[in-house]
Amino acid sequence: MKAVIFAGGCIGDYSRVEKYLSDTSLIVCADSGIRHAFKMGIIPHLVVGDMDSASEEEKKKIEEFKIKKISFPKEKDFTDTELALEVALQEGANEAVLLGGLGDRPDHSLANILLMVNFKRKGLELTLAGKSWEMFLIDGQRKIKGQKGQLLSLLPITPKVTGIKASGLYYPLRDETLFMGTSRGISNVFIDDEAVVEIKEGMLIAVKCIES
């Protein structure tokens, strides 16, 4: 089951992210993420968090539309976004897209990126997405749809990633090793409508730029 999670960070052009909602069974808002849903004309299934960032008007709409709330205290060990993902997992999701996951708080942005690792271990494949990019993990073989000229960056999120093979890209990789902290995997380019990336050991973060 696929879920979409709205966090409170930047989304930009809403029309560019509508595609992620087309085959979604569950929509969850993390606190002020409700703002994005309402601006898109969406009534989510759940809203999760301490609601300290939602406006009074948004709180009234939550009551008006009888949206289910799962409340947590302001002082807690986890962010509202992580709690929303936990709820989606408990509801049966095995795939999720996080919208509004990046913004002006680099600490929150980095935490949301690292949530991909945490939830992958729990059985939830998480993609972070915005109007012009997608971010996801690779820990085996993955076929990645794209268009000629689009950019694809591959960054290690483990100390090293070995046996990297990549085809369908301008700079092919043939049994390569990349180490965490290097920028070598930045800005590869699709030369076809699909790239195949395979690794033997470790984990990569892939960032696909939808606009070339």
N, C-alpha and C. Protein backbone atom coordinates (compact mmCIF):
# COMPACT_ATOMS: atom_id res chain seq x y z
N MET A 1 0.84 -1.19 0.00
CA MET A 1 0.00 0.00 0.00
C MET A 1 0.88 1.25 0.00
N LYS A 2 0.49 2.21 -0.77
CA LYS A 2 1.25 3.46 -0.87
C LYS A 2 0.59 4.56 -0.04
N ALA A 3 1.45 5.31 0.66
CA ALA A 3 0.99 6.46 1.44
C ALA A 3 1.72 7.71 0.96
N VAL A 4 1.07 8.85 1.13
CA VAL A 4 1.72 10.14 0.93
C VAL A 4 1.68 10.88 2.26
N ILE A 5 2.85 11.40 2.64
CA ILE A 5 2.98 12.15 3.89
C ILE A 5 3.28 13.60 3.54
N PHE A 6 2.51 14.52 4.07
CA PHE A 6 2.78 15.94 3.93
C PHE A 6 3.50 16.44 5.18
N ALA A 7 4.73 16.92 5.01
CA ALA A 7 5.43 17.59 6.09
C ALA A 7 5.33 19.10 5.88
N GLY A 8 5.92 19.88 6.77
CA GLY A 8 5.72 21.32 6.73
C GLY A 8 6.75 22.11 5.95
N GLY A 9 7.68 21.43 5.26
CA GLY A 9 8.72 22.12 4.50
C GLY A 9 8.21 22.65 3.17
N CYS A 10 9.15 22.97 2.30
CA CYS A 10 8.83 23.62 1.02
C CYS A 10 8.37 22.59 -0.02
N ILE A 11 7.32 22.92 -0.75
CA ILE A 11 6.88 22.12 -1.89
C ILE A 11 6.98 22.93 -3.17
N GLY A 12 6.53 24.18 -3.17
CA GLY A 12 6.61 25.01 -4.37
C GLY A 12 5.36 24.87 -5.22
N ASP A 13 5.54 24.51 -6.47
CA ASP A 13 4.43 24.40 -7.43
C ASP A 13 3.65 23.12 -7.17
N TYR A 14 2.47 23.26 -6.59
CA TYR A 14 1.68 22.08 -6.22
C TYR A 14 1.30 21.23 -7.43
N SER A 15 1.14 21.85 -8.57
CA SER A 15 0.74 21.09 -9.76
C SER A 15 1.80 20.06 -10.16
N ARG A 16 3.04 20.31 -9.73
CA ARG A 16 4.13 19.40 -10.09
C ARG A 16 4.19 18.17 -9.20
N VAL A 17 3.47 18.17 -8.09
CA VAL A 17 3.52 17.01 -7.20
C VAL A 17 2.19 16.25 -7.13
N GLU A 18 1.19 16.72 -7.87
CA GLU A 18 -0.10 16.05 -7.86
C GLU A 18 0.00 14.59 -8.31
N LYS A 19 0.97 14.30 -9.17
CA LYS A 19 1.12 12.93 -9.70
C LYS A 19 1.34 11.90 -8.60
N TYR A 20 1.94 12.32 -7.49
CA TYR A 20 2.24 11.36 -6.42
C TYR A 20 0.98 10.92 -5.67
N LEU A 21 -0.12 11.61 -5.87
CA LEU A 21 -1.35 11.31 -5.16
C LEU A 21 -2.29 10.40 -5.94
N SER A 22 -1.97 10.13 -7.19
CA SER A 22 -2.92 9.46 -8.09
C SER A 22 -3.25 8.03 -7.67
N ASP A 23 -2.30 7.29 -7.13
CA ASP A 23 -2.53 5.90 -6.77
C ASP A 23 -2.28 5.67 -5.28
N THR A 24 -2.66 6.65 -4.47
CA THR A 24 -2.37 6.62 -3.05
C THR A 24 -3.58 6.14 -2.25
N SER A 25 -3.33 5.25 -1.30
CA SER A 25 -4.41 4.72 -0.46
C SER A 25 -4.53 5.45 0.87
N LEU A 26 -3.46 6.16 1.28
CA LEU A 26 -3.45 6.79 2.59
C LEU A 26 -2.71 8.13 2.50
N ILE A 27 -3.34 9.19 3.01
CA ILE A 27 -2.71 10.52 3.04
C ILE A 27 -2.65 10.96 4.50
N VAL A 28 -1.43 11.24 4.96
CA VAL A 28 -1.20 11.62 6.35
C VAL A 28 -0.49 12.96 6.36
N CYS A 29 -0.93 13.86 7.22
CA CYS A 29 -0.27 15.16 7.39
C CYS A 29 0.45 15.20 8.72
N ALA A 30 1.69 15.64 8.69
CA ALA A 30 2.47 15.84 9.91
C ALA A 30 2.33 17.31 10.32
N ASP A 31 1.51 17.56 11.32
CA ASP A 31 1.32 18.90 11.88
C ASP A 31 1.04 19.93 10.77
N SER A 32 1.95 20.91 10.57
CA SER A 32 1.70 21.99 9.61
C SER A 32 1.68 21.52 8.16
N GLY A 33 1.98 20.26 7.92
CA GLY A 33 1.81 19.71 6.59
C GLY A 33 0.38 19.77 6.12
N ILE A 34 -0.55 19.94 7.08
CA ILE A 34 -1.96 20.07 6.72
C ILE A 34 -2.18 21.27 5.81
N ARG A 35 -1.33 22.28 5.95
CA ARG A 35 -1.45 23.49 5.12
C ARG A 35 -1.31 23.15 3.64
N HIS A 36 -0.33 22.30 3.31
CA HIS A 36 -0.14 21.91 1.91
C HIS A 36 -1.35 21.14 1.39
N ALA A 37 -1.85 20.22 2.19
CA ALA A 37 -3.01 19.43 1.75
C ALA A 37 -4.20 20.34 1.47
N PHE A 38 -4.50 21.25 2.38
CA PHE A 38 -5.63 22.15 2.18
C PHE A 38 -5.45 23.03 0.95
N LYS A 39 -4.22 23.50 0.71
CA LYS A 39 -3.97 24.35 -0.45
C LYS A 39 -4.14 23.58 -1.76
N MET A 40 -3.97 22.26 -1.69
CA MET A 40 -4.17 21.42 -2.87
C MET A 40 -5.61 20.92 -2.97
N GLY A 41 -6.46 21.31 -2.03
CA GLY A 41 -7.85 20.86 -2.04
C GLY A 41 -8.01 19.42 -1.60
N ILE A 42 -7.09 18.94 -0.78
CA ILE A 42 -7.09 17.54 -0.35
C ILE A 42 -7.52 17.44 1.11
N ILE A 43 -8.40 16.50 1.39
CA ILE A 43 -8.79 16.19 2.76
C ILE A 43 -8.06 14.90 3.15
N PRO A 44 -7.04 14.99 4.01
CA PRO A 44 -6.27 13.80 4.35
C PRO A 44 -7.05 12.84 5.24
N HIS A 45 -6.53 11.62 5.33
CA HIS A 45 -7.16 10.62 6.20
C HIS A 45 -6.79 10.87 7.67
N LEU A 46 -5.56 11.35 7.89
CA LEU A 46 -5.05 11.49 9.25
C LEU A 46 -4.20 12.75 9.36
N VAL A 47 -4.17 13.34 10.54
CA VAL A 47 -3.20 14.38 10.85
C VAL A 47 -2.53 13.97 12.16
N VAL A 48 -1.20 14.06 12.18
CA VAL A 48 -0.41 13.53 13.29
C VAL A 48 0.49 14.62 13.85
N GLY A 49 0.62 14.68 15.17
CA GLY A 49 1.57 15.60 15.77
C GLY A 49 1.03 16.36 16.95
N ASP A 50 1.79 17.37 17.38
CA ASP A 50 1.38 18.17 18.53
C ASP A 50 0.56 19.39 18.12
N MET A 51 0.48 19.64 16.79
CA MET A 51 -0.32 20.73 16.22
C MET A 51 0.12 22.11 16.69
N ASP A 52 1.40 22.25 17.06
CA ASP A 52 1.90 23.55 17.51
C ASP A 52 2.22 24.47 16.33
N SER A 53 2.29 23.92 15.12
CA SER A 53 2.62 24.73 13.94
C SER A 53 1.42 25.01 13.05
N ALA A 54 0.30 24.36 13.30
CA ALA A 54 -0.90 24.58 12.50
C ALA A 54 -1.59 25.86 12.98
N SER A 55 -2.17 26.59 12.02
CA SER A 55 -2.88 27.82 12.37
C SER A 55 -4.24 27.49 12.98
N GLU A 56 -4.86 28.50 13.61
CA GLU A 56 -6.18 28.30 14.18
C GLU A 56 -7.21 27.97 13.10
N GLU A 57 -7.07 28.61 11.95
CA GLU A 57 -7.98 28.32 10.84
C GLU A 57 -7.84 26.87 10.38
N GLU A 58 -6.60 26.39 10.31
CA GLU A 58 -6.38 25.01 9.89
C GLU A 58 -6.93 24.03 10.93
N LYS A 59 -6.79 24.37 12.20
CA LYS A 59 -7.35 23.52 13.25
C LYS A 59 -8.87 23.44 13.16
N LYS A 60 -9.48 24.58 12.82
CA LYS A 60 -10.94 24.59 12.66
C LYS A 60 -11.37 23.72 11.49
N LYS A 61 -10.60 23.76 10.39
CA LYS A 61 -10.93 22.94 9.23
C LYS A 61 -10.77 21.45 9.55
N ILE A 62 -9.77 21.13 10.36
CA ILE A 62 -9.60 19.73 10.76
C ILE A 62 -10.85 19.23 11.48
N GLU A 63 -11.39 20.07 12.36
CA GLU A 63 -12.61 19.70 13.08
C GLU A 63 -13.81 19.67 12.14
N GLU A 64 -13.88 20.66 11.26
CA GLU A 64 -15.02 20.76 10.33
C GLU A 64 -15.11 19.54 9.43
N PHE A 65 -13.95 19.08 8.91
CA PHE A 65 -13.94 17.93 7.99
C PHE A 65 -13.83 16.61 8.73
N LYS A 66 -13.81 16.68 10.07
CA LYS A 66 -13.76 15.47 10.90
C LYS A 66 -12.57 14.58 10.52
N ILE A 67 -11.43 15.22 10.34
CA ILE A 67 -10.20 14.48 10.02
C ILE A 67 -9.67 13.83 11.30
N LYS A 68 -9.36 12.58 11.22
CA LYS A 68 -8.86 11.86 12.39
C LYS A 68 -7.53 12.45 12.85
N LYS A 69 -7.42 12.72 14.15
CA LYS A 69 -6.20 13.28 14.71
C LYS A 69 -5.53 12.26 15.62
N ILE A 70 -4.22 12.15 15.48
CA ILE A 70 -3.42 11.37 16.43
C ILE A 70 -2.47 12.36 17.08
N SER A 71 -2.76 12.71 18.31
CA SER A 71 -2.05 13.80 18.98
C SER A 71 -0.88 13.28 19.81
N PHE A 72 0.16 14.11 19.88
CA PHE A 72 1.32 13.85 20.71
C PHE A 72 1.68 15.13 21.45
N PRO A 73 2.30 15.02 22.61
CA PRO A 73 2.71 16.24 23.33
C PRO A 73 3.82 16.97 22.58
N LYS A 74 3.96 18.26 22.87
CA LYS A 74 5.00 19.06 22.23
C LYS A 74 6.38 18.56 22.58
N GLU A 75 6.57 18.17 23.83
CA GLU A 75 7.86 17.61 24.27
C GLU A 75 7.84 16.10 24.04
N LYS A 76 8.56 15.68 23.02
CA LYS A 76 8.57 14.26 22.64
C LYS A 76 9.91 13.92 22.02
N ASP A 77 10.16 12.63 21.82
CA ASP A 77 11.47 12.17 21.34
C ASP A 77 11.61 12.17 19.83
N PHE A 78 10.50 12.29 19.10
CA PHE A 78 10.54 12.16 17.65
C PHE A 78 9.84 13.34 16.99
N THR A 79 10.22 13.64 15.75
CA THR A 79 9.56 14.72 15.02
C THR A 79 8.17 14.27 14.58
N ASP A 80 7.33 15.23 14.27
CA ASP A 80 5.99 14.91 13.78
C ASP A 80 6.07 14.11 12.48
N THR A 81 7.07 14.40 11.66
CA THR A 81 7.21 13.68 10.39
C THR A 81 7.51 12.21 10.63
N GLU A 82 8.42 11.92 11.56
CA GLU A 82 8.72 10.52 11.86
C GLU A 82 7.50 9.81 12.44
N LEU A 83 6.78 10.50 13.30
CA LEU A 83 5.57 9.90 13.87
C LEU A 83 4.52 9.62 12.81
N ALA A 84 4.40 10.53 11.83
CA ALA A 84 3.45 10.32 10.74
C ALA A 84 3.83 9.11 9.91
N LEU A 85 5.12 8.93 9.68
CA LEU A 85 5.58 7.75 8.93
C LEU A 85 5.33 6.47 9.72
N GLU A 86 5.53 6.53 11.03
CA GLU A 86 5.24 5.36 11.87
C GLU A 86 3.77 4.98 11.78
N VAL A 87 2.91 5.99 11.79
CA VAL A 87 1.47 5.73 11.68
C VAL A 87 1.15 5.10 10.33
N ALA A 88 1.75 5.63 9.25
CA ALA A 88 1.52 5.05 7.92
C ALA A 88 1.96 3.60 7.87
N LEU A 89 3.09 3.30 8.49
CA LEU A 89 3.59 1.92 8.54
C LEU A 89 2.61 1.03 9.30
N GLN A 90 2.11 1.51 10.44
CA GLN A 90 1.15 0.74 11.23
C GLN A 90 -0.16 0.53 10.48
N GLU A 91 -0.51 1.47 9.59
CA GLU A 91 -1.74 1.35 8.81
C GLU A 91 -1.59 0.39 7.63
N GLY A 92 -0.37 -0.11 7.41
CA GLY A 92 -0.15 -1.11 6.37
C GLY A 92 0.62 -0.64 5.16
N ALA A 93 1.14 0.57 5.19
CA ALA A 93 1.90 1.08 4.04
C ALA A 93 3.25 0.37 3.95
N ASN A 94 3.65 0.02 2.74
CA ASN A 94 5.00 -0.49 2.51
C ASN A 94 5.77 0.43 1.55
N GLU A 95 5.11 1.50 1.12
CA GLU A 95 5.71 2.48 0.22
C GLU A 95 5.14 3.84 0.60
N ALA A 96 6.00 4.85 0.63
CA ALA A 96 5.52 6.19 0.99
C ALA A 96 6.31 7.26 0.24
N VAL A 97 5.64 8.36 -0.05
CA VAL A 97 6.26 9.55 -0.62
C VAL A 97 6.10 10.68 0.38
N LEU A 98 7.21 11.31 0.72
CA LEU A 98 7.20 12.43 1.65
C LEU A 98 7.32 13.73 0.87
N LEU A 99 6.28 14.56 0.96
CA LEU A 99 6.27 15.87 0.32
C LEU A 99 6.47 16.94 1.38
N GLY A 100 7.23 17.98 1.05
CA GLY A 100 7.50 19.01 2.04
C GLY A 100 8.52 18.58 3.07
N GLY A 101 9.38 17.65 2.70
CA GLY A 101 10.35 17.12 3.64
C GLY A 101 11.59 17.97 3.82
N LEU A 102 11.85 18.90 2.89
CA LEU A 102 13.01 19.76 2.98
C LEU A 102 12.55 21.21 3.09
N GLY A 103 13.33 22.03 3.80
CA GLY A 103 12.94 23.42 3.97
C GLY A 103 14.06 24.26 4.54
N ASP A 104 13.71 25.26 5.33
CA ASP A 104 14.69 26.21 5.85
C ASP A 104 15.45 25.70 7.07
N ARG A 105 15.01 24.59 7.64
CA ARG A 105 15.69 24.02 8.80
C ARG A 105 16.58 22.88 8.33
N PRO A 106 17.90 23.09 8.22
CA PRO A 106 18.77 22.02 7.73
C PRO A 106 18.76 20.80 8.64
N ASP A 107 18.56 21.00 9.94
CA ASP A 107 18.52 19.85 10.85
C ASP A 107 17.31 18.97 10.56
N HIS A 108 16.15 19.59 10.35
CA HIS A 108 14.95 18.82 10.00
C HIS A 108 15.12 18.17 8.63
N SER A 109 15.68 18.91 7.69
CA SER A 109 15.86 18.37 6.34
C SER A 109 16.77 17.14 6.37
N LEU A 110 17.89 17.24 7.08
CA LEU A 110 18.82 16.11 7.15
C LEU A 110 18.17 14.93 7.88
N ALA A 111 17.44 15.21 8.95
CA ALA A 111 16.76 14.13 9.67
C ALA A 111 15.77 13.41 8.75
N ASN A 112 15.02 14.17 7.94
CA ASN A 112 14.05 13.55 7.04
C ASN A 112 14.73 12.70 5.98
N ILE A 113 15.89 13.14 5.49
CA ILE A 113 16.64 12.34 4.53
C ILE A 113 17.07 11.02 5.17
N LEU A 114 17.56 11.09 6.40
CA LEU A 114 18.02 9.89 7.09
C LEU A 114 16.88 8.96 7.49
N LEU A 115 15.66 9.50 7.56
CA LEU A 115 14.51 8.65 7.84
C LEU A 115 14.33 7.57 6.77
N MET A 116 14.81 7.83 5.56
CA MET A 116 14.72 6.81 4.51
C MET A 116 15.42 5.53 4.93
N VAL A 117 16.56 5.68 5.61
CA VAL A 117 17.32 4.51 6.07
C VAL A 117 16.57 3.79 7.18
N ASN A 118 16.12 4.55 8.16
CA ASN A 118 15.40 3.98 9.30
C ASN A 118 14.18 3.18 8.84
N PHE A 119 13.39 3.77 7.95
CA PHE A 119 12.14 3.11 7.56
C PHE A 119 12.36 2.00 6.54
N LYS A 120 13.43 2.06 5.80
CA LYS A 120 13.74 0.94 4.90
C LYS A 120 13.98 -0.33 5.72
N ARG A 121 14.66 -0.17 6.85
CA ARG A 121 14.90 -1.32 7.73
C ARG A 121 13.61 -1.87 8.31
N LYS A 122 12.59 -1.03 8.40
CA LYS A 122 11.30 -1.45 8.95
C LYS A 122 10.34 -1.96 7.88
N GLY A 123 10.77 -1.89 6.60
CA GLY A 123 9.93 -2.41 5.52
C GLY A 123 9.13 -1.36 4.78
N LEU A 124 9.47 -0.08 4.98
CA LEU A 124 8.77 1.00 4.28
C LEU A 124 9.74 1.68 3.33
N GLU A 125 9.47 1.59 2.04
CA GLU A 125 10.30 2.25 1.03
C GLU A 125 9.86 3.71 0.93
N LEU A 126 10.75 4.60 1.32
CA LEU A 126 10.41 6.02 1.40
C LEU A 126 11.11 6.81 0.31
N THR A 127 10.34 7.62 -0.39
CA THR A 127 10.87 8.56 -1.38
C THR A 127 10.57 9.97 -0.91
N LEU A 128 11.57 10.84 -0.93
CA LEU A 128 11.34 12.26 -0.72
C LEU A 128 11.20 12.90 -2.08
N ALA A 129 10.25 13.80 -2.24
CA ALA A 129 10.01 14.39 -3.56
C ALA A 129 9.65 15.86 -3.44
N GLY A 130 9.97 16.60 -4.50
CA GLY A 130 9.60 18.00 -4.64
C GLY A 130 9.16 18.25 -6.06
N LYS A 131 9.00 19.50 -6.42
CA LYS A 131 8.47 19.81 -7.74
C LYS A 131 9.44 19.44 -8.86
N SER A 132 10.74 19.34 -8.57
CA SER A 132 11.70 19.08 -9.64
C SER A 132 12.72 18.01 -9.29
N TRP A 133 12.45 17.21 -8.25
CA TRP A 133 13.41 16.19 -7.86
C TRP A 133 12.75 15.06 -7.08
N GLU A 134 13.43 13.92 -7.07
CA GLU A 134 13.05 12.77 -6.24
C GLU A 134 14.32 12.22 -5.59
N MET A 135 14.19 11.74 -4.37
CA MET A 135 15.31 11.19 -3.63
C MET A 135 14.90 9.85 -3.04
N PHE A 136 15.74 8.82 -3.23
CA PHE A 136 15.40 7.48 -2.74
C PHE A 136 16.68 6.69 -2.52
N LEU A 137 16.55 5.52 -1.92
CA LEU A 137 17.70 4.68 -1.60
C LEU A 137 17.87 3.55 -2.59
N ILE A 138 19.12 3.13 -2.75
CA ILE A 138 19.44 1.94 -3.54
C ILE A 138 20.34 1.06 -2.68
N ASP A 139 19.93 -0.20 -2.46
CA ASP A 139 20.78 -1.13 -1.71
C ASP A 139 20.88 -2.50 -2.40
N GLY A 140 20.52 -2.54 -3.65
CA GLY A 140 20.63 -3.77 -4.43
C GLY A 140 20.65 -3.38 -5.90
N GLN A 141 19.68 -3.83 -6.66
CA GLN A 141 19.52 -3.39 -8.05
C GLN A 141 18.24 -2.58 -8.17
N ARG A 142 18.31 -1.50 -8.93
CA ARG A 142 17.12 -0.67 -9.13
C ARG A 142 17.10 -0.12 -10.55
N LYS A 143 15.94 -0.25 -11.19
CA LYS A 143 15.72 0.38 -12.48
C LYS A 143 15.07 1.74 -12.23
N ILE A 144 15.64 2.77 -12.84
CA ILE A 144 15.19 4.14 -12.57
C ILE A 144 14.71 4.77 -13.87
N LYS A 145 13.44 5.11 -13.91
CA LYS A 145 12.89 5.77 -15.09
C LYS A 145 13.37 7.22 -15.15
N GLY A 146 13.64 7.70 -16.35
CA GLY A 146 14.05 9.07 -16.54
C GLY A 146 13.88 9.50 -17.97
N GLN A 147 14.44 10.63 -18.31
CA GLN A 147 14.43 11.13 -19.67
C GLN A 147 15.84 11.57 -20.04
N LYS A 148 16.15 11.45 -21.30
CA LYS A 148 17.47 11.82 -21.77
C LYS A 148 17.79 13.26 -21.36
N GLY A 149 18.95 13.43 -20.74
CA GLY A 149 19.37 14.75 -20.30
C GLY A 149 19.10 15.05 -18.84
N GLN A 150 18.22 14.28 -18.20
CA GLN A 150 17.98 14.48 -16.78
C GLN A 150 19.19 14.05 -15.96
N LEU A 151 19.34 14.67 -14.79
CA LEU A 151 20.48 14.39 -13.93
C LEU A 151 20.13 13.34 -12.88
N LEU A 152 21.12 12.49 -12.57
CA LEU A 152 20.99 11.50 -11.51
C LEU A 152 22.28 11.50 -10.71
N SER A 153 22.17 11.80 -9.43
CA SER A 153 23.33 11.78 -8.54
C SER A 153 23.24 10.58 -7.62
N LEU A 154 24.39 9.95 -7.36
CA LEU A 154 24.47 8.76 -6.51
C LEU A 154 25.48 9.04 -5.40
N LEU A 155 25.00 9.07 -4.16
CA LEU A 155 25.84 9.43 -3.02
C LEU A 155 25.82 8.33 -1.97
N PRO A 156 26.98 7.87 -1.52
CA PRO A 156 27.02 6.85 -0.47
C PRO A 156 26.45 7.37 0.84
N ILE A 157 25.65 6.55 1.49
CA ILE A 157 25.16 6.88 2.82
C ILE A 157 25.67 5.87 3.85
N THR A 158 26.48 4.92 3.39
CA THR A 158 27.24 4.03 4.25
C THR A 158 28.73 4.35 4.03
N PRO A 159 29.62 3.95 4.94
CA PRO A 159 31.03 4.33 4.81
C PRO A 159 31.62 4.06 3.43
N LYS A 160 31.23 2.95 2.82
CA LYS A 160 31.61 2.71 1.43
C LYS A 160 30.55 1.87 0.74
N VAL A 161 30.47 2.02 -0.55
CA VAL A 161 29.54 1.24 -1.36
C VAL A 161 30.37 0.57 -2.44
N THR A 162 30.30 -0.75 -2.50
CA THR A 162 31.17 -1.51 -3.42
C THR A 162 30.37 -2.15 -4.54
N GLY A 163 31.11 -2.49 -5.61
CA GLY A 163 30.51 -3.21 -6.73
C GLY A 163 29.43 -2.43 -7.45
N ILE A 164 29.61 -1.12 -7.56
CA ILE A 164 28.58 -0.30 -8.20
C ILE A 164 28.66 -0.44 -9.72
N LYS A 165 27.54 -0.81 -10.30
CA LYS A 165 27.42 -0.87 -11.75
C LYS A 165 26.24 0.02 -12.16
N ALA A 166 26.46 0.83 -13.17
CA ALA A 166 25.39 1.72 -13.63
C ALA A 166 25.41 1.80 -15.14
N SER A 167 24.26 1.57 -15.75
CA SER A 167 24.12 1.67 -17.20
C SER A 167 22.99 2.63 -17.52
N GLY A 168 22.96 3.10 -18.78
CA GLY A 168 21.96 4.06 -19.18
C GLY A 168 22.31 5.48 -18.79
N LEU A 169 23.55 5.69 -18.33
CA LEU A 169 24.02 6.99 -17.89
C LEU A 169 25.27 7.39 -18.68
N TYR A 170 25.48 8.69 -18.80
CA TYR A 170 26.61 9.20 -19.59
C TYR A 170 27.94 8.74 -19.01
N TYR A 171 28.03 8.70 -17.69
CA TYR A 171 29.25 8.21 -17.03
C TYR A 171 28.94 6.84 -16.43
N PRO A 172 29.20 5.77 -17.17
CA PRO A 172 28.88 4.43 -16.66
C PRO A 172 29.81 4.05 -15.51
N LEU A 173 29.29 3.24 -14.62
CA LEU A 173 30.10 2.72 -13.51
C LEU A 173 30.23 1.22 -13.70
N ARG A 174 31.44 0.73 -13.56
CA ARG A 174 31.71 -0.69 -13.81
C ARG A 174 32.45 -1.26 -12.61
N ASP A 175 31.70 -1.84 -11.69
CA ASP A 175 32.27 -2.45 -10.49
C ASP A 175 33.10 -1.44 -9.69
N GLU A 176 32.53 -0.27 -9.47
CA GLU A 176 33.23 0.81 -8.79
C GLU A 176 32.95 0.79 -7.28
N THR A 177 33.81 1.47 -6.54
CA THR A 177 33.61 1.69 -5.11
C THR A 177 33.56 3.19 -4.85
N LEU A 178 32.54 3.63 -4.12
CA LEU A 178 32.44 5.03 -3.71
C LEU A 178 32.44 5.09 -2.19
N PHE A 179 33.10 6.12 -1.66
CA PHE A 179 33.22 6.29 -0.22
C PHE A 179 32.36 7.46 0.24
N MET A 180 31.79 7.33 1.42
CA MET A 180 31.00 8.41 1.99
C MET A 180 31.86 9.67 2.11
N GLY A 181 31.30 10.80 1.71
CA GLY A 181 32.01 12.06 1.81
C GLY A 181 32.60 12.55 0.50
N THR A 182 32.54 11.73 -0.54
CA THR A 182 33.04 12.16 -1.85
C THR A 182 31.89 12.68 -2.70
N SER A 183 32.21 13.59 -3.62
CA SER A 183 31.19 14.14 -4.52
C SER A 183 31.27 13.51 -5.91
N ARG A 184 32.00 12.43 -6.04
CA ARG A 184 32.22 11.83 -7.35
C ARG A 184 30.93 11.42 -8.06
N GLY A 185 29.92 11.04 -7.30
CA GLY A 185 28.70 10.53 -7.93
C GLY A 185 27.69 11.60 -8.30
N ILE A 186 28.06 12.87 -8.18
CA ILE A 186 27.13 13.97 -8.47
C ILE A 186 26.95 14.16 -9.98
N SER A 187 25.72 14.45 -10.37
CA SER A 187 25.38 14.95 -11.72
C SER A 187 25.78 14.03 -12.86
N ASN A 188 25.42 12.75 -12.74
CA ASN A 188 25.45 11.89 -13.91
C ASN A 188 24.23 12.23 -14.77
N VAL A 189 24.19 11.72 -16.00
CA VAL A 189 23.16 12.16 -16.95
C VAL A 189 22.52 10.96 -17.64
N PHE A 190 21.18 10.95 -17.67
CA PHE A 190 20.48 9.91 -18.42
C PHE A 190 20.78 10.04 -19.91
N ILE A 191 21.12 8.92 -20.56
CA ILE A 191 21.26 8.91 -22.01
C ILE A 191 20.16 8.07 -22.65
N ASP A 192 19.25 7.57 -21.83
CA ASP A 192 18.11 6.77 -22.29
C ASP A 192 16.95 7.08 -21.36
N ASP A 193 15.85 6.35 -21.52
CA ASP A 193 14.70 6.59 -20.66
C ASP A 193 14.70 5.71 -19.42
N GLU A 194 15.79 4.97 -19.21
CA GLU A 194 15.92 4.14 -18.02
C GLU A 194 17.38 3.93 -17.70
N ALA A 195 17.72 4.02 -16.43
CA ALA A 195 19.05 3.67 -15.94
C ALA A 195 18.92 2.48 -15.00
N VAL A 196 19.94 1.65 -14.98
CA VAL A 196 19.97 0.51 -14.06
C VAL A 196 21.20 0.67 -13.17
N VAL A 197 20.96 0.71 -11.87
CA VAL A 197 22.05 0.83 -10.89
C VAL A 197 22.03 -0.41 -10.01
N GLU A 198 23.20 -1.00 -9.84
CA GLU A 198 23.32 -2.21 -9.03
C GLU A 198 24.52 -2.07 -8.12
N ILE A 199 24.38 -2.49 -6.87
CA ILE A 199 25.51 -2.47 -5.95
C ILE A 199 25.61 -3.82 -5.23
N LYS A 200 26.84 -4.14 -4.79
CA LYS A 200 27.05 -5.39 -4.06
C LYS A 200 26.88 -5.19 -2.56
N GLU A 201 27.43 -4.11 -2.05
CA GLU A 201 27.40 -3.90 -0.60
C GLU A 201 27.31 -2.41 -0.30
N GLY A 202 26.51 -2.06 0.70
CA GLY A 202 26.36 -0.67 1.09
C GLY A 202 25.02 -0.11 0.64
N MET A 203 24.92 1.20 0.70
CA MET A 203 23.66 1.86 0.35
C MET A 203 23.94 3.24 -0.24
N LEU A 204 23.22 3.55 -1.31
CA LEU A 204 23.33 4.85 -1.97
C LEU A 204 22.06 5.65 -1.80
N ILE A 205 22.21 6.97 -1.71
CA ILE A 205 21.08 7.87 -1.92
C ILE A 205 21.11 8.32 -3.37
N ALA A 206 20.02 8.13 -4.06
CA ALA A 206 19.90 8.60 -5.45
C ALA A 206 19.02 9.84 -5.47
N VAL A 207 19.48 10.85 -6.20
CA VAL A 207 18.70 12.07 -6.38
C VAL A 207 18.50 12.28 -7.87
N LYS A 208 17.24 12.18 -8.31
CA LYS A 208 16.92 12.37 -9.72
C LYS A 208 16.33 13.77 -9.89
N CYS A 209 16.98 14.57 -10.73
CA CYS A 209 16.46 15.92 -11.03
C CYS A 209 15.52 15.80 -12.22
N ILE A 210 14.24 16.07 -11.99
CA ILE A 210 13.24 15.89 -13.02
C ILE A 210 13.37 16.94 -14.10
N GLU A 211 13.83 18.14 -13.75
CA GLU A 211 14.13 19.17 -14.73
C GLU A 211 15.62 19.13 -15.04
N SER A 212 15.98 19.03 -16.32
CA SER A 212 17.39 19.00 -16.68
C SER A 212 17.96 20.39 -16.73
